[in-house]
Amino acid sequence: MNAGVYEIRATNPEDRLWAMLAHIVPLVLSSTAIGGIISALVIYLLKKESPFVRYHAKQQILFQVAVVIVAFIGFLLTFALVGIPILMVLGIYAIVMPIIAAINAYKGEYYALPIVGKMAR
């Protein structure tokens, strides 16, 4: 078993597609802070009858909220020049992690993003 992946797998192709979209659509719409949160929330509300999709959408909502909070803190710290590296690392992290989660969701895996994955259960 890979780190962050649970043994249970989703077999329904439609659920796997929606779970993948729960990670990819917010990534595309995250140019506005609220766009990523709203898009994941819409998928959560549309497909809440599927535990697999619900898990991935809830995880992405929490992830987007965490990114907004850390970005705000990083912005405040830019005046002390500490925030610049924080924002750079956050930018890379906010792009890479949803892609990894989307790939695993499409494979049918209950992939847990660091920190927010346990909260989404």
PDB file of N, CA and C in Angstrom:
ATOM      1  N   MET A   1       0.841  -1.179   0.000  1.00  0.00           N
ATOM      2  CA  MET A   1       0.000   0.000   0.000  1.00  0.00           C
ATOM      3  C   MET A   1       0.887   1.243   0.000  1.00  0.00           C
ATOM      4  N   ASN A   2       0.580   2.185  -0.877  1.00  0.00           N
ATOM      5  CA  ASN A   2       1.319   3.446  -0.945  1.00  0.00           C
ATOM      6  C   ASN A   2       0.947   4.339   0.224  1.00  0.00           C
ATOM      7  N   ALA A   3       1.851   5.239   0.573  1.00  0.00           N
ATOM      8  CA  ALA A   3       1.551   6.206   1.628  1.00  0.00           C
ATOM      9  C   ALA A   3       0.401   7.088   1.176  1.00  0.00           C
ATOM     10  N   GLY A   4      -0.583   7.261   2.034  1.00  0.00           N
ATOM     11  CA  GLY A   4      -1.714   8.111   1.717  1.00  0.00           C
ATOM     12  C   GLY A   4      -2.827   7.431   0.956  1.00  0.00           C
ATOM     13  N   VAL A   5      -2.690   6.131   0.656  1.00  0.00           N
ATOM     14  CA  VAL A   5      -3.713   5.430  -0.107  1.00  0.00           C
ATOM     15  C   VAL A   5      -4.329   4.348   0.761  1.00  0.00           C
ATOM     16  N   TYR A   6      -5.640   4.323   0.840  1.00  0.00           N
ATOM     17  CA  TYR A   6      -6.344   3.287   1.583  1.00  0.00           C
ATOM     18  C   TYR A   6      -6.553   2.080   0.679  1.00  0.00           C
ATOM     19  N   GLU A   7      -6.824   0.927   1.266  1.00  0.00           N
ATOM     20  CA  GLU A   7      -6.993  -0.309   0.506  1.00  0.00           C
ATOM     21  C   GLU A   7      -8.287  -0.346  -0.318  1.00  0.00           C
ATOM     22  N   ILE A   8      -9.330   0.309   0.156  1.00  0.00           N
ATOM     23  CA  ILE A   8     -10.626   0.268  -0.526  1.00  0.00           C
ATOM     24  C   ILE A   8     -10.515   0.980  -1.864  1.00  0.00           C
ATOM     25  N   ARG A   9     -11.152   0.421  -2.893  1.00  0.00           N
ATOM     26  CA  ARG A   9     -11.129   1.028  -4.218  1.00  0.00           C
ATOM     27  C   ARG A   9     -12.547   1.218  -4.725  1.00  0.00           C
ATOM     28  N   ALA A  10     -12.743   2.289  -5.473  1.00  0.00           N
ATOM     29  CA  ALA A  10     -14.021   2.525  -6.136  1.00  0.00           C
ATOM     30  C   ALA A  10     -13.963   1.858  -7.500  1.00  0.00           C
ATOM     31  N   THR A  11     -15.022   1.159  -7.857  1.00  0.00           N
ATOM     32  CA  THR A  11     -15.029   0.461  -9.137  1.00  0.00           C
ATOM     33  C   THR A  11     -15.925   1.142 -10.166  1.00  0.00           C
ATOM     34  N   ASN A  12     -16.827   2.000  -9.721  1.00  0.00           N
ATOM     35  CA  ASN A  12     -17.730   2.683 -10.636  1.00  0.00           C
ATOM     36  C   ASN A  12     -16.956   3.756 -11.417  1.00  0.00           C
ATOM     37  N   PRO A  13     -16.880   3.636 -12.746  1.00  0.00           N
ATOM     38  CA  PRO A  13     -16.106   4.604 -13.533  1.00  0.00           C
ATOM     39  C   PRO A  13     -16.633   6.037 -13.407  1.00  0.00           C
ATOM     40  N   GLU A  14     -17.945   6.193 -13.270  1.00  0.00           N
ATOM     41  CA  GLU A  14     -18.507   7.537 -13.134  1.00  0.00           C
ATOM     42  C   GLU A  14     -18.059   8.186 -11.818  1.00  0.00           C
ATOM     43  N   ASP A  15     -18.055   7.406 -10.743  1.00  0.00           N
ATOM     44  CA  ASP A  15     -17.591   7.928  -9.453  1.00  0.00           C
ATOM     45  C   ASP A  15     -16.114   8.305  -9.510  1.00  0.00           C
ATOM     46  N   ARG A  16     -15.330   7.485 -10.187  1.00  0.00           N
ATOM     47  CA  ARG A  16     -13.900   7.788 -10.306  1.00  0.00           C
ATOM     48  C   ARG A  16     -13.683   9.083 -11.090  1.00  0.00           C
ATOM     49  N   LEU A  17     -14.471   9.285 -12.151  1.00  0.00           N
ATOM     50  CA  LEU A  17     -14.359  10.503 -12.949  1.00  0.00           C
ATOM     51  C   LEU A  17     -14.738  11.736 -12.126  1.00  0.00           C
ATOM     52  N   TRP A  18     -15.858  11.660 -11.397  1.00  0.00           N
ATOM     53  CA  TRP A  18     -16.289  12.795 -10.578  1.00  0.00           C
ATOM     54  C   TRP A  18     -15.282  13.087  -9.456  1.00  0.00           C
ATOM     55  N   ALA A  19     -14.706  12.052  -8.880  1.00  0.00           N
ATOM     56  CA  ALA A  19     -13.697  12.249  -7.830  1.00  0.00           C
ATOM     57  C   ALA A  19     -12.458  12.933  -8.404  1.00  0.00           C
ATOM     58  N   MET A  20     -12.066  12.541  -9.610  1.00  0.00           N
ATOM     59  CA  MET A  20     -10.933  13.188 -10.264  1.00  0.00           C
ATOM     60  C   MET A  20     -11.260  14.659 -10.548  1.00  0.00           C
ATOM     61  N   LEU A  21     -12.472  14.917 -11.037  1.00  0.00           N
ATOM     62  CA  LEU A  21     -12.873  16.294 -11.324  1.00  0.00           C
ATOM     63  C   LEU A  21     -12.926  17.147 -10.055  1.00  0.00           C
ATOM     64  N   ALA A  22     -13.228  16.523  -8.922  1.00  0.00           N
ATOM     65  CA  ALA A  22     -13.253  17.258  -7.652  1.00  0.00           C
ATOM     66  C   ALA A  22     -11.880  17.838  -7.328  1.00  0.00           C
ATOM     67  N   HIS A  23     -10.825  17.237  -7.865  1.00  0.00           N
ATOM     68  CA  HIS A  23      -9.471  17.748  -7.644  1.00  0.00           C
ATOM     69  C   HIS A  23      -9.000  18.662  -8.777  1.00  0.00           C
ATOM     70  N   ILE A  24      -9.375  18.344 -10.011  1.00  0.00           N
ATOM     71  CA  ILE A  24      -8.876  19.090 -11.170  1.00  0.00           C
ATOM     72  C   ILE A  24      -9.604  20.418 -11.371  1.00  0.00           C
ATOM     73  N   VAL A  25     -10.929  20.424 -11.261  1.00  0.00           N
ATOM     74  CA  VAL A  25     -11.692  21.657 -11.501  1.00  0.00           C
ATOM     75  C   VAL A  25     -11.274  22.775 -10.536  1.00  0.00           C
ATOM     76  N   PRO A  26     -11.135  22.514  -9.225  1.00  0.00           N
ATOM     77  CA  PRO A  26     -10.655  23.596  -8.356  1.00  0.00           C
ATOM     78  C   PRO A  26      -9.249  24.079  -8.722  1.00  0.00           C
ATOM     79  N   LEU A  27      -8.426  23.181  -9.226  1.00  0.00           N
ATOM     80  CA  LEU A  27      -7.080  23.577  -9.643  1.00  0.00           C
ATOM     81  C   LEU A  27      -7.162  24.582 -10.789  1.00  0.00           C
ATOM     82  N   VAL A  28      -8.060  24.331 -11.726  1.00  0.00           N
ATOM     83  CA  VAL A  28      -8.230  25.225 -12.870  1.00  0.00           C
ATOM     84  C   VAL A  28      -8.867  26.549 -12.437  1.00  0.00           C
ATOM     85  N   LEU A  29      -9.826  26.474 -11.517  1.00  0.00           N
ATOM     86  CA  LEU A  29     -10.556  27.669 -11.089  1.00  0.00           C
ATOM     87  C   LEU A  29      -9.944  28.364  -9.878  1.00  0.00           C
ATOM     88  N   SER A  30      -8.797  27.932  -9.429  1.00  0.00           N
ATOM     89  CA  SER A  30      -8.219  28.510  -8.215  1.00  0.00           C
ATOM     90  C   SER A  30      -7.524  29.842  -8.449  1.00  0.00           C
ATOM     91  N   SER A  31      -7.661  30.408  -9.656  1.00  0.00           N
ATOM     92  CA  SER A  31      -7.098  31.736  -9.877  1.00  0.00           C
ATOM     93  C   SER A  31      -7.808  32.765  -8.999  1.00  0.00           C
ATOM     94  N   THR A  32      -9.057  32.480  -8.657  1.00  0.00           N
ATOM     95  CA  THR A  32      -9.740  33.263  -7.631  1.00  0.00           C
ATOM     96  C   THR A  32      -9.805  32.374  -6.398  1.00  0.00           C
ATOM     97  N   ALA A  33      -9.548  32.940  -5.255  1.00  0.00           N
ATOM     98  CA  ALA A  33      -9.464  32.136  -4.031  1.00  0.00           C
ATOM     99  C   ALA A  33     -10.740  31.358  -3.776  1.00  0.00           C
ATOM    100  N   ILE A  34     -11.865  31.953  -4.030  1.00  0.00           N
ATOM    101  CA  ILE A  34     -13.137  31.314  -3.718  1.00  0.00           C
ATOM    102  C   ILE A  34     -13.570  30.341  -4.819  1.00  0.00           C
ATOM    103  N   GLY A  35     -13.023  30.491  -6.034  1.00  0.00           N
ATOM    104  CA  GLY A  35     -13.419  29.633  -7.154  1.00  0.00           C
ATOM    105  C   GLY A  35     -13.135  28.164  -6.919  1.00  0.00           C
ATOM    106  N   GLY A  36     -11.981  27.858  -6.337  1.00  0.00           N
ATOM    107  CA  GLY A  36     -11.630  26.464  -6.049  1.00  0.00           C
ATOM    108  C   GLY A  36     -12.528  25.857  -4.989  1.00  0.00           C
ATOM    109  N   ILE A  37     -12.862  26.648  -3.979  1.00  0.00           N
ATOM    110  CA  ILE A  37     -13.719  26.151  -2.900  1.00  0.00           C
ATOM    111  C   ILE A  37     -15.132  25.906  -3.413  1.00  0.00           C
ATOM    112  N   ILE A  38     -15.665  26.853  -4.181  1.00  0.00           N
ATOM    113  CA  ILE A  38     -17.040  26.723  -4.689  1.00  0.00           C
ATOM    114  C   ILE A  38     -17.159  25.558  -5.660  1.00  0.00           C
ATOM    115  N   SER A  39     -16.190  25.383  -6.537  1.00  0.00           N
ATOM    116  CA  SER A  39     -16.284  24.288  -7.508  1.00  0.00           C
ATOM    117  C   SER A  39     -16.250  22.925  -6.827  1.00  0.00           C
ATOM    118  N   ALA A  40     -15.409  22.772  -5.813  1.00  0.00           N
ATOM    119  CA  ALA A  40     -15.382  21.500  -5.071  1.00  0.00           C
ATOM    120  C   ALA A  40     -16.677  21.313  -4.290  1.00  0.00           C
ATOM    121  N   LEU A  41     -17.236  22.400  -3.770  1.00  0.00           N
ATOM    122  CA  LEU A  41     -18.497  22.331  -3.035  1.00  0.00           C
ATOM    123  C   LEU A  41     -19.647  21.932  -3.957  1.00  0.00           C
ATOM    124  N   VAL A  42     -19.655  22.440  -5.181  1.00  0.00           N
ATOM    125  CA  VAL A  42     -20.699  22.071  -6.147  1.00  0.00           C
ATOM    126  C   VAL A  42     -20.631  20.581  -6.449  1.00  0.00           C
ATOM    127  N   ILE A  43     -19.431  20.057  -6.672  1.00  0.00           N
ATOM    128  CA  ILE A  43     -19.289  18.620  -6.937  1.00  0.00           C
ATOM    129  C   ILE A  43     -19.729  17.818  -5.714  1.00  0.00           C
ATOM    130  N   TYR A  44     -19.368  18.282  -4.529  1.00  0.00           N
ATOM    131  CA  TYR A  44     -19.793  17.613  -3.292  1.00  0.00           C
ATOM    132  C   TYR A  44     -21.314  17.546  -3.219  1.00  0.00           C
ATOM    133  N   LEU A  45     -21.981  18.643  -3.506  1.00  0.00           N
ATOM    134  CA  LEU A  45     -23.448  18.678  -3.412  1.00  0.00           C
ATOM    135  C   LEU A  45     -24.122  17.873  -4.518  1.00  0.00           C
ATOM    136  N   LEU A  46     -23.530  17.850  -5.707  1.00  0.00           N
ATOM    137  CA  LEU A  46     -24.110  17.093  -6.816  1.00  0.00           C
ATOM    138  C   LEU A  46     -23.986  15.585  -6.640  1.00  0.00           C
ATOM    139  N   LYS A  47     -22.877  15.142  -6.067  1.00  0.00           N
ATOM    140  CA  LYS A  47     -22.582  13.706  -6.004  1.00  0.00           C
ATOM    141  C   LYS A  47     -22.430  13.200  -4.575  1.00  0.00           C
ATOM    142  N   LYS A  48     -23.155  13.798  -3.618  1.00  0.00           N
ATOM    143  CA  LYS A  48     -22.971  13.428  -2.217  1.00  0.00           C
ATOM    144  C   LYS A  48     -23.493  12.035  -1.882  1.00  0.00           C
ATOM    145  N   GLU A  49     -24.244  11.414  -2.791  1.00  0.00           N
ATOM    146  CA  GLU A  49     -24.708  10.049  -2.521  1.00  0.00           C
ATOM    147  C   GLU A  49     -23.593   9.016  -2.686  1.00  0.00           C
ATOM    148  N   SER A  50     -22.509   9.403  -3.349  1.00  0.00           N
ATOM    149  CA  SER A  50     -21.366   8.502  -3.532  1.00  0.00           C
ATOM    150  C   SER A  50     -20.334   8.774  -2.446  1.00  0.00           C
ATOM    151  N   PRO A  51     -20.062   7.806  -1.562  1.00  0.00           N
ATOM    152  CA  PRO A  51     -19.057   8.027  -0.513  1.00  0.00           C
ATOM    153  C   PRO A  51     -17.679   8.351  -1.078  1.00  0.00           C
ATOM    154  N   PHE A  52     -17.343   7.769  -2.222  1.00  0.00           N
ATOM    155  CA  PHE A  52     -16.038   7.988  -2.840  1.00  0.00           C
ATOM    156  C   PHE A  52     -15.890   9.432  -3.327  1.00  0.00           C
ATOM    157  N   VAL A  53     -16.886   9.909  -4.060  1.00  0.00           N
ATOM    158  CA  VAL A  53     -16.850  11.280  -4.566  1.00  0.00           C
ATOM    159  C   VAL A  53     -16.945  12.266  -3.405  1.00  0.00           C
ATOM    160  N   ARG A  54     -17.805  11.956  -2.445  1.00  0.00           N
ATOM    161  CA  ARG A  54     -17.976  12.832  -1.275  1.00  0.00           C
ATOM    162  C   ARG A  54     -16.646  13.002  -0.531  1.00  0.00           C
ATOM    163  N   TYR A  55     -15.917  11.906  -0.353  1.00  0.00           N
ATOM    164  CA  TYR A  55     -14.624  11.955   0.336  1.00  0.00           C
ATOM    165  C   TYR A  55     -13.646  12.863  -0.410  1.00  0.00           C
ATOM    166  N   HIS A  56     -13.520  12.666  -1.714  1.00  0.00           N
ATOM    167  CA  HIS A  56     -12.554  13.445  -2.485  1.00  0.00           C
ATOM    168  C   HIS A  56     -12.959  14.912  -2.592  1.00  0.00           C
ATOM    169  N   ALA A  57     -14.243  15.187  -2.737  1.00  0.00           N
ATOM    170  CA  ALA A  57     -14.692  16.578  -2.817  1.00  0.00           C
ATOM    171  C   ALA A  57     -14.492  17.288  -1.476  1.00  0.00           C
ATOM    172  N   LYS A  58     -14.834  16.599  -0.384  1.00  0.00           N
ATOM    173  CA  LYS A  58     -14.656  17.200   0.940  1.00  0.00           C
ATOM    174  C   LYS A  58     -13.176  17.465   1.207  1.00  0.00           C
ATOM    175  N   GLN A  59     -12.340  16.539   0.797  1.00  0.00           N
ATOM    176  CA  GLN A  59     -10.901  16.705   0.972  1.00  0.00           C
ATOM    177  C   GLN A  59     -10.393  17.923   0.187  1.00  0.00           C
ATOM    178  N   GLN A  60     -10.908  18.107  -1.020  1.00  0.00           N
ATOM    179  CA  GLN A  60     -10.473  19.237  -1.840  1.00  0.00           C
ATOM    180  C   GLN A  60     -10.986  20.570  -1.281  1.00  0.00           C
ATOM    181  N   ILE A  61     -12.192  20.577  -0.714  1.00  0.00           N
ATOM    182  CA  ILE A  61     -12.695  21.790  -0.064  1.00  0.00           C
ATOM    183  C   ILE A  61     -11.763  22.187   1.078  1.00  0.00           C
ATOM    184  N   LEU A  62     -11.423  21.221   1.924  1.00  0.00           N
ATOM    185  CA  LEU A  62     -10.519  21.493   3.048  1.00  0.00           C
ATOM    186  C   LEU A  62      -9.141  21.937   2.560  1.00  0.00           C
ATOM    187  N   PHE A  63      -8.665  21.317   1.494  1.00  0.00           N
ATOM    188  CA  PHE A  63      -7.362  21.674   0.928  1.00  0.00           C
ATOM    189  C   PHE A  63      -7.371  23.113   0.420  1.00  0.00           C
ATOM    190  N   GLN A  64      -8.419  23.490  -0.305  1.00  0.00           N
ATOM    191  CA  GLN A  64      -8.507  24.843  -0.838  1.00  0.00           C
ATOM    192  C   GLN A  64      -8.582  25.881   0.275  1.00  0.00           C
ATOM    193  N   VAL A  65      -9.340  25.577   1.330  1.00  0.00           N
ATOM    194  CA  VAL A  65      -9.430  26.492   2.479  1.00  0.00           C
ATOM    195  C   VAL A  65      -8.051  26.639   3.127  1.00  0.00           C
ATOM    196  N   ALA A  66      -7.337  25.534   3.291  1.00  0.00           N
ATOM    197  CA  ALA A  66      -6.000  25.578   3.889  1.00  0.00           C
ATOM    198  C   ALA A  66      -5.044  26.397   3.031  1.00  0.00           C
ATOM    199  N   VAL A  67      -5.131  26.249   1.717  1.00  0.00           N
ATOM    200  CA  VAL A  67      -4.259  27.016   0.815  1.00  0.00           C
ATOM    201  C   VAL A  67      -4.550  28.512   0.948  1.00  0.00           C
ATOM    202  N   VAL A  68      -5.830  28.876   1.025  1.00  0.00           N
ATOM    203  CA  VAL A  68      -6.185  30.289   1.173  1.00  0.00           C
ATOM    204  C   VAL A  68      -5.637  30.845   2.489  1.00  0.00           C
ATOM    205  N   ILE A  69      -5.760  30.081   3.568  1.00  0.00           N
ATOM    206  CA  ILE A  69      -5.267  30.539   4.873  1.00  0.00           C
ATOM    207  C   ILE A  69      -3.748  30.711   4.860  1.00  0.00           C
ATOM    208  N   VAL A  70      -3.039  29.715   4.347  1.00  0.00           N
ATOM    209  CA  VAL A  70      -1.574  29.803   4.300  1.00  0.00           C
ATOM    210  C   VAL A  70      -1.127  30.929   3.360  1.00  0.00           C
ATOM    211  N   ALA A  71      -1.835  31.130   2.249  1.00  0.00           N
ATOM    212  CA  ALA A  71      -1.498  32.218   1.332  1.00  0.00           C
ATOM    213  C   ALA A  71      -1.684  33.572   2.011  1.00  0.00           C
ATOM    214  N   PHE A  72      -2.736  33.710   2.797  1.00  0.00           N
ATOM    215  CA  PHE A  72      -2.967  34.958   3.516  1.00  0.00           C
ATOM    216  C   PHE A  72      -1.851  35.216   4.532  1.00  0.00           C
ATOM    217  N   ILE A  73      -1.481  34.182   5.264  1.00  0.00           N
ATOM    218  CA  ILE A  73      -0.382  34.310   6.226  1.00  0.00           C
ATOM    219  C   ILE A  73       0.931  34.639   5.499  1.00  0.00           C
ATOM    220  N   GLY A  74       1.168  33.954   4.387  1.00  0.00           N
ATOM    221  CA  GLY A  74       2.365  34.224   3.595  1.00  0.00           C
ATOM    222  C   GLY A  74       2.388  35.651   3.069  1.00  0.00           C
ATOM    223  N   PHE A  75       1.212  36.138   2.646  1.00  0.00           N
ATOM    224  CA  PHE A  75       1.132  37.521   2.171  1.00  0.00           C
ATOM    225  C   PHE A  75       1.481  38.500   3.281  1.00  0.00           C
ATOM    226  N   LEU A  76       0.948  38.253   4.471  1.00  0.00           N
ATOM    227  CA  LEU A  76       1.263  39.129   5.603  1.00  0.00           C
ATOM    228  C   LEU A  76       2.754  39.104   5.945  1.00  0.00           C
ATOM    229  N   LEU A  77       3.363  37.929   5.762  1.00  0.00           N
ATOM    230  CA  LEU A  77       4.788  37.795   6.089  1.00  0.00           C
ATOM    231  C   LEU A  77       5.718  38.309   4.990  1.00  0.00           C
ATOM    232  N   THR A  78       5.167  38.683   3.831  1.00  0.00           N
ATOM    233  CA  THR A  78       6.041  39.207   2.768  1.00  0.00           C
ATOM    234  C   THR A  78       6.684  40.515   3.174  1.00  0.00           C
ATOM    235  N   PHE A  79       6.044  41.231   4.075  1.00  0.00           N
ATOM    236  CA  PHE A  79       6.634  42.487   4.528  1.00  0.00           C
ATOM    237  C   PHE A  79       7.907  42.236   5.340  1.00  0.00           C
ATOM    238  N   ALA A  80       8.031  41.048   5.898  1.00  0.00           N
ATOM    239  CA  ALA A  80       9.246  40.665   6.617  1.00  0.00           C
ATOM    240  C   ALA A  80      10.160  39.814   5.725  1.00  0.00           C
ATOM    241  N   LEU A  81       9.814  39.699   4.443  1.00  0.00           N
ATOM    242  CA  LEU A  81      10.534  38.926   3.429  1.00  0.00           C
ATOM    243  C   LEU A  81      10.529  37.419   3.688  1.00  0.00           C
ATOM    244  N   VAL A  82       9.875  36.982   4.726  1.00  0.00           N
ATOM    245  CA  VAL A  82       9.778  35.550   5.017  1.00  0.00           C
ATOM    246  C   VAL A  82       8.666  34.929   4.180  1.00  0.00           C
ATOM    247  N   GLY A  83       7.679  35.715   3.841  1.00  0.00           N
ATOM    248  CA  GLY A  83       6.514  35.202   3.129  1.00  0.00           C
ATOM    249  C   GLY A  83       6.777  34.843   1.684  1.00  0.00           C
ATOM    250  N   ILE A  84       7.791  35.429   1.082  1.00  0.00           N
ATOM    251  CA  ILE A  84       8.072  35.159  -0.334  1.00  0.00           C
ATOM    252  C   ILE A  84       8.395  33.689  -0.569  1.00  0.00           C
ATOM    253  N   PRO A  85       9.334  33.075   0.193  1.00  0.00           N
ATOM    254  CA  PRO A  85       9.560  31.642  -0.030  1.00  0.00           C
ATOM    255  C   PRO A  85       8.345  30.792   0.353  1.00  0.00           C
ATOM    256  N   ILE A  86       7.601  31.224   1.362  1.00  0.00           N
ATOM    257  CA  ILE A  86       6.394  30.478   1.752  1.00  0.00           C
ATOM    258  C   ILE A  86       5.412  30.456   0.595  1.00  0.00           C
ATOM    259  N   LEU A  87       5.190  31.596  -0.044  1.00  0.00           N
ATOM    260  CA  LEU A  87       4.255  31.667  -1.163  1.00  0.00           C
ATOM    261  C   LEU A  87       4.745  30.871  -2.376  1.00  0.00           C
ATOM    262  N   MET A  88       6.059  30.844  -2.583  1.00  0.00           N
ATOM    263  CA  MET A  88       6.607  30.075  -3.700  1.00  0.00           C
ATOM    264  C   MET A  88       6.389  28.573  -3.492  1.00  0.00           C
ATOM    265  N   VAL A  89       6.690  28.097  -2.301  1.00  0.00           N
ATOM    266  CA  VAL A  89       6.498  26.677  -1.985  1.00  0.00           C
ATOM    267  C   VAL A  89       5.012  26.329  -2.015  1.00  0.00           C
ATOM    268  N   LEU A  90       4.187  27.200  -1.481  1.00  0.00           N
ATOM    269  CA  LEU A  90       2.745  26.967  -1.482  1.00  0.00           C
ATOM    270  C   LEU A  90       2.202  26.877  -2.897  1.00  0.00           C
ATOM    271  N   GLY A  91       2.686  27.733  -3.788  1.00  0.00           N
ATOM    272  CA  GLY A  91       2.229  27.700  -5.177  1.00  0.00           C
ATOM    273  C   GLY A  91       2.518  26.366  -5.849  1.00  0.00           C
ATOM    274  N   ILE A  92       3.715  25.852  -5.647  1.00  0.00           N
ATOM    275  CA  ILE A  92       4.082  24.548  -6.221  1.00  0.00           C
ATOM    276  C   ILE A  92       3.249  23.441  -5.588  1.00  0.00           C
ATOM    277  N   TYR A  93       3.123  23.482  -4.274  1.00  0.00           N
ATOM    278  CA  TYR A  93       2.359  22.477  -3.526  1.00  0.00           C
ATOM    279  C   TYR A  93       0.893  22.468  -3.951  1.00  0.00           C
ATOM    280  N   ALA A  94       0.323  23.661  -4.157  1.00  0.00           N
ATOM    281  CA  ALA A  94      -1.090  23.783  -4.515  1.00  0.00           C
ATOM    282  C   ALA A  94      -1.369  23.303  -5.936  1.00  0.00           C
ATOM    283  N   ILE A  95      -0.343  23.170  -6.740  1.00  0.00           N
ATOM    284  CA  ILE A  95      -0.515  22.636  -8.096  1.00  0.00           C
ATOM    285  C   ILE A  95      -0.257  21.134  -8.126  1.00  0.00           C
ATOM    286  N   VAL A  96       0.814  20.700  -7.481  1.00  0.00           N
ATOM    287  CA  VAL A  96       1.235  19.300  -7.554  1.00  0.00           C
ATOM    288  C   VAL A  96       0.290  18.356  -6.799  1.00  0.00           C
ATOM    289  N   MET A  97      -0.110  18.728  -5.587  1.00  0.00           N
ATOM    290  CA  MET A  97      -0.914  17.812  -4.763  1.00  0.00           C
ATOM    291  C   MET A  97      -2.287  17.483  -5.361  1.00  0.00           C
ATOM    292  N   PRO A  98      -3.031  18.460  -5.905  1.00  0.00           N
ATOM    293  CA  PRO A  98      -4.295  18.083  -6.541  1.00  0.00           C
ATOM    294  C   PRO A  98      -4.117  17.176  -7.760  1.00  0.00           C
ATOM    295  N   ILE A  99      -3.012  17.341  -8.479  1.00  0.00           N
ATOM    296  CA  ILE A  99      -2.762  16.468  -9.631  1.00  0.00           C
ATOM    297  C   ILE A  99      -2.519  15.040  -9.160  1.00  0.00           C
ATOM    298  N   ILE A 100      -1.707  14.876  -8.123  1.00  0.00           N
ATOM    299  CA  ILE A 100      -1.458  13.540  -7.569  1.00  0.00           C
ATOM    300  C   ILE A 100      -2.755  12.935  -7.049  1.00  0.00           C
ATOM    301  N   ALA A 101      -3.548  13.738  -6.347  1.00  0.00           N
ATOM    302  CA  ALA A 101      -4.823  13.249  -5.806  1.00  0.00           C
ATOM    303  C   ALA A 101      -5.787  12.878  -6.928  1.00  0.00           C
ATOM    304  N   ALA A 102      -5.815  13.655  -8.003  1.00  0.00           N
ATOM    305  CA  ALA A 102      -6.705  13.367  -9.128  1.00  0.00           C
ATOM    306  C   ALA A 102      -6.328  12.057  -9.816  1.00  0.00           C
ATOM    307  N   ILE A 103      -5.046  11.826  -9.987  1.00  0.00           N
ATOM    308  CA  ILE A 103      -4.584  10.571 -10.613  1.00  0.00           C
ATOM    309  C   ILE A 103      -5.003   9.379  -9.762  1.00  0.00           C
ATOM    310  N   ASN A 104      -4.782   9.486  -8.449  1.00  0.00           N
ATOM    311  CA  ASN A 104      -5.160   8.386  -7.563  1.00  0.00           C
ATOM    312  C   ASN A 104      -6.679   8.211  -7.487  1.00  0.00           C
ATOM    313  N   ALA A 105      -7.423   9.302  -7.522  1.00  0.00           N
ATOM    314  CA  ALA A 105      -8.888   9.208  -7.502  1.00  0.00           C
ATOM    315  C   ALA A 105      -9.379   8.513  -8.759  1.00  0.00           C
ATOM    316  N   TYR A 106      -8.780   8.812  -9.899  1.00  0.00           N
ATOM    317  CA  TYR A 106      -9.207   8.161 -11.141  1.00  0.00           C
ATOM    318  C   TYR A 106      -8.847   6.678 -11.152  1.00  0.00           C
ATOM    319  N   LYS A 107      -7.817   6.306 -10.414  1.00  0.00           N
ATOM    320  CA  LYS A 107      -7.481   4.883 -10.267  1.00  0.00           C
ATOM    321  C   LYS A 107      -8.463   4.179  -9.333  1.00  0.00           C
ATOM    322  N   GLY A 108      -9.300   4.966  -8.635  1.00  0.00           N
ATOM    323  CA  GLY A 108     -10.265   4.399  -7.707  1.00  0.00           C
ATOM    324  C   GLY A 108      -9.750   4.296  -6.285  1.00  0.00           C
ATOM    325  N   GLU A 109      -8.675   4.991  -5.982  1.00  0.00           N
ATOM    326  CA  GLU A 109      -8.057   4.901  -4.659  1.00  0.00           C
ATOM    327  C   GLU A 109      -8.528   6.020  -3.748  1.00  0.00           C
ATOM    328  N   TYR A 110      -8.697   5.709  -2.501  1.00  0.00           N
ATOM    329  CA  TYR A 110      -9.014   6.702  -1.470  1.00  0.00           C
ATOM    330  C   TYR A 110      -7.703   7.348  -1.039  1.00  0.00           C
ATOM    331  N   TYR A 111      -7.189   8.240  -1.856  1.00  0.00           N
ATOM    332  CA  TYR A 111      -5.924   8.907  -1.576  1.00  0.00           C
ATOM    333  C   TYR A 111      -6.149  10.015  -0.554  1.00  0.00           C
ATOM    334  N   ALA A 112      -5.277  10.092   0.433  1.00  0.00           N
ATOM    335  CA  ALA A 112      -5.393  11.116   1.476  1.00  0.00           C
ATOM    336  C   ALA A 112      -4.322  12.178   1.270  1.00  0.00           C
ATOM    337  N   LEU A 113      -4.746  13.405   1.036  1.00  0.00           N
ATOM    338  CA  LEU A 113      -3.806  14.513   0.972  1.00  0.00           C
ATOM    339  C   LEU A 113      -3.211  14.735   2.354  1.00  0.00           C
ATOM    340  N   PRO A 114      -1.963  15.162   2.436  1.00  0.00           N
ATOM    341  CA  PRO A 114      -1.371  15.427   3.749  1.00  0.00           C
ATOM    342  C   PRO A 114      -2.207  16.453   4.531  1.00  0.00           C
ATOM    343  N   ILE A 115      -2.353  16.235   5.783  1.00  0.00           N
ATOM    344  CA  ILE A 115      -3.059  17.060   6.771  1.00  0.00           C
ATOM    345  C   ILE A 115      -4.574  16.999   6.596  1.00  0.00           C
ATOM    346  N   VAL A 116      -5.114  17.391   5.450  1.00  0.00           N
ATOM    347  CA  VAL A 116      -6.576  17.461   5.297  1.00  0.00           C
ATOM    348  C   VAL A 116      -7.221  16.114   4.995  1.00  0.00           C
ATOM    349  N   GLY A 117      -6.442  15.136   4.568  1.00  0.00           N
ATOM    350  CA  GLY A 117      -7.007  13.833   4.230  1.00  0.00           C
ATOM    351  C   GLY A 117      -7.688  13.154   5.401  1.00  0.00           C
ATOM    352  N   LYS A 118      -7.081  13.247   6.569  1.00  0.00           N
ATOM    353  CA  LYS A 118      -7.681  12.626   7.756  1.00  0.00           C
ATOM    354  C   LYS A 118      -8.929  13.372   8.206  1.00  0.00           C
ATOM    355  N   MET A 119      -8.969  14.677   7.977  1.00  0.00           N
ATOM    356  CA  MET A 119     -10.143  15.455   8.359  1.00  0.00           C
ATOM    357  C   MET A 119     -11.339  15.163   7.455  1.00  0.00           C
ATOM    358  N   ALA A 120     -11.093  14.715   6.244  1.00  0.00           N
ATOM    359  CA  ALA A 120     -12.170  14.473   5.275  1.00  0.00           C
ATOM    360  C   ALA A 120     -12.890  13.156   5.508  1.00  0.00           C
ATOM    361  N   ARG A 121     -12.309  12.269   6.304  1.00  0.00           N
ATOM    362  CA  ARG A 121     -12.946  10.963   6.537  1.00  0.00           C
ATOM    363  C   ARG A 121     -14.234  11.078   7.208  1.00  0.00           C
TER     364      ARG A 121
END
